Amino acid sequence: MDRIAVLIPCYIDAKTIVKVVKDFLRVLPEAVIYVYDNNSSDGTGEIARKAGAIVRMERMQGKGNVIRRMFREIDARCYVLVDGDDTYPAESAPEMVNLVIDEQADMVIGDRLSSSYFTENKRTFHNFGNSLVRGTINRLFGSEILDIMTGYRAFSYRFVKTYPVLTKGFEIETDMSVHAIYRNMLLRNVVVTYRDRPAGSESKLNTGRDGIKVLITIAKLYKNYKPFSFFTILALIFLALSIAFVSPVLREFISTGLVPRFPTLITCLFGMLAGLLLFICGLILSSMQEKDKRDFEYQLMETEERYLRACRESGDGDVQP
């Protein structure tokens, strides 16, 4: 087991990867640097290998697919995840590592939005999108994460080995943030400076397409993690619409004793029935969710046992349970 593993997912980062690898080797000399090349066509992998990184390949395209393989293959006391585009400072990594190893944080978030992001990033819609996602997640899940979309994070072993990577692309950051909130894991924010990409390096994030994917992911996560609230809201919408449309029919029936608009009445009754079924779905799913929470706690205990055993086998005597 590595003490510190620096994980760098890369796709066409030949212009910046050498600096990123050397910067992290300088500030974390005890760390093992892993570069996962995601089908780069510019020789990123070979360049990273010459710079001192361990290079592996992930053939399935997408950042989520790369992180899935990283988390599956690598065992470490602390994981540092950073992009290969040289937009994050390696100098913040020791503080993030200390919070994981010494303070037992499960996820440390490199917060760009509280420092230089809005002045360095020249893409207006990126700035708006980051603020929108942060506000939406914190409001829906009652959290205080300062930067949801950052690619600079540190993780504990227990987070990495209990996090199911189900997303394929850039929505991975949103997914892992919500997972940590829902599983009641210890989160910390570290303010980091952000610098825009150097000349010749282009972002792979499509503001419109990937932004829509992130918003859809948020809706799915809210449904999956808060089913009672999600389905109750839908039930209330169906109920409100049904009452609004059936009210004139009922008023006319009370005054005349006639129901001339049977189609409206029948449709509204079906709408009320749908609202009731949605509410019942929310109740059932919330009960199933309680069992899932208990099962996860058992999984967490098993992960802790594997972690302690691996640490003892690797001769790391200062590990804390």
Foldseek 3Di string as FASTA:
>chain_A
DQAEEEEEEDAQLQVQQLVVLVQLCVQPVSYAYEYEYAPHPPCNQVSNVVSPHHYHYDPQDAPLSSLLVVLVPDDHQKYKFAYRQPFFHSNCVVVQSCCCFVVVAFKEAAAAPVACCVPQDPDVLVNVLQVVLQVVCCVLLVDDDRTQQHRTMMGGNLLSVLDDRDDGYSLSSNRSVLVCSLLVTGYHYDYTHTHDGDPPDDDPDDSPPVSVVNVVVVLVSSCQRQVLVNLLVVLVVLLVVLCVQCVVQVVCCVVPVDRPCVVSNVVSVVSNVSSVVSNVVSVVSVVVVVVVSVVSVVVSVVSVVVSVVVCVVVVPPVGDD
